[in-house]
Structure formats: structure tokens, C-alpha cells
Amino acid sequence: MGYYSDEELKGLGFAKLGSSVLVSRKASLYGISRMSIGDYSRIDDFSVISAGEGGIDIGCYVHIAVMCSLMGQAKIEMEDFSGLSSRVCVYSSSDDYSGIAMTNPTVPKEYTKVDTRPVRIGKHVIIGAGSVVLPGTIIEDGAAVGALSLVRGVLESFVMYSGVPAKAIKPRKRDLLELENQLKQR
């Protein structure tokens, strides 16, 4: 995987850019001036990160794996130590599929009905491969989402979820909080 150099990243015009950030040259970035990326974060090949008016804030030690997408008009926030496995899609905007309006971005706005709400992915959240996160979702700190899940609403902290729609499965251990403390003391 080829990454942009530190100097190249600084020249792209991010709203904020931390240190030791890795962004694949094969990732597609749109609305960079509305994007913030914290220290030690990484975006892998073929990911599409498209910041709408609300922007995208990526914390420290965040990993966005190959072929992920983050897009929409409202804010998308990924807090420290969170991660997206391959092919996860996070949407802060979505067309209404009911048939009461037309769909797709080529149709003038007055003929569409778009659901646009912020998405928050808390600290230590992990989202499994192929999952989809819908507008308005809040995934509280430490929650885990299994592969191929459809995520909407509020997911409680330190609970494991899976399914379509994602449902609580069991509690998640909190040992990783001590590991975070150890890392920060290095």
C-alpha cells in the first residue's frame, strides 16, 4: 500500500491533520477542507471519504480499512480508537425509498426527500466487515458490531450487536480501557 507523505498530506488542505497519519494514495477524498484526522490514524486503499457540509472528524488511532465509505451532508464523527473493517459504509444522508419522492442526486432537491442526520461512532467502537450505518446513528463508546449488520438508532456502550437490523447480543469486556491507559503512558 502506498501512502501520501506527511508533506503531501499537509498540502491537501485538511481542516486539521494530526501526526503519523497514513492515507492511501488509492483512497478518494472529497471535501478535504471539512475533514479532520487525528494522530496515528490510517485510511486504506479504495476507501471513499466524502465530507458534506457537516464535515468528517476522525479521531486518534482510528483505522478505516479497505473499501470503506463515509459520506453524506451531516457530520460524521469517529472517536479515538474506533475502527471500520473492510467494506463498511457510513451514511449521514439517505434517500427516502417509500416512493413519496424521487431519488438520486441528479434529481432537483424539490423532488426528493433526503434523510440527513449526524452519525457518531464512539471511542473503542469496532464495526465488522460489510456493515451499513444509517443516518442519525449513535454508537456509544465500546460497542462492537458484527459483520454484515444494518446499524441504526442508538447502540449502547460496551454491548456487542449483530444482525439486520443490529440487535444486542451480549456485553463486551472493558479490558481495552486499561490497554488504552498503558498506551498513553508510553
Foldseek 3Di string as FASTA:
>chain_A
DDWDDPVVVVVVQACEEEPPETEHPQEAEAPRNLEYAYACEYEDHQEYEHEACQGEYHEYCEYEDYNEYEDEHHYEYAYAQEYEYHNEYEYQKDWDPPPCADDDPVDDPVRTDMRGAYEYHEACEYEEANEYEYHPEYEYAQEYEYHNEYGDDYHDHQFYWYDDPTDTDGGHDPVVVVVVVVVVVD
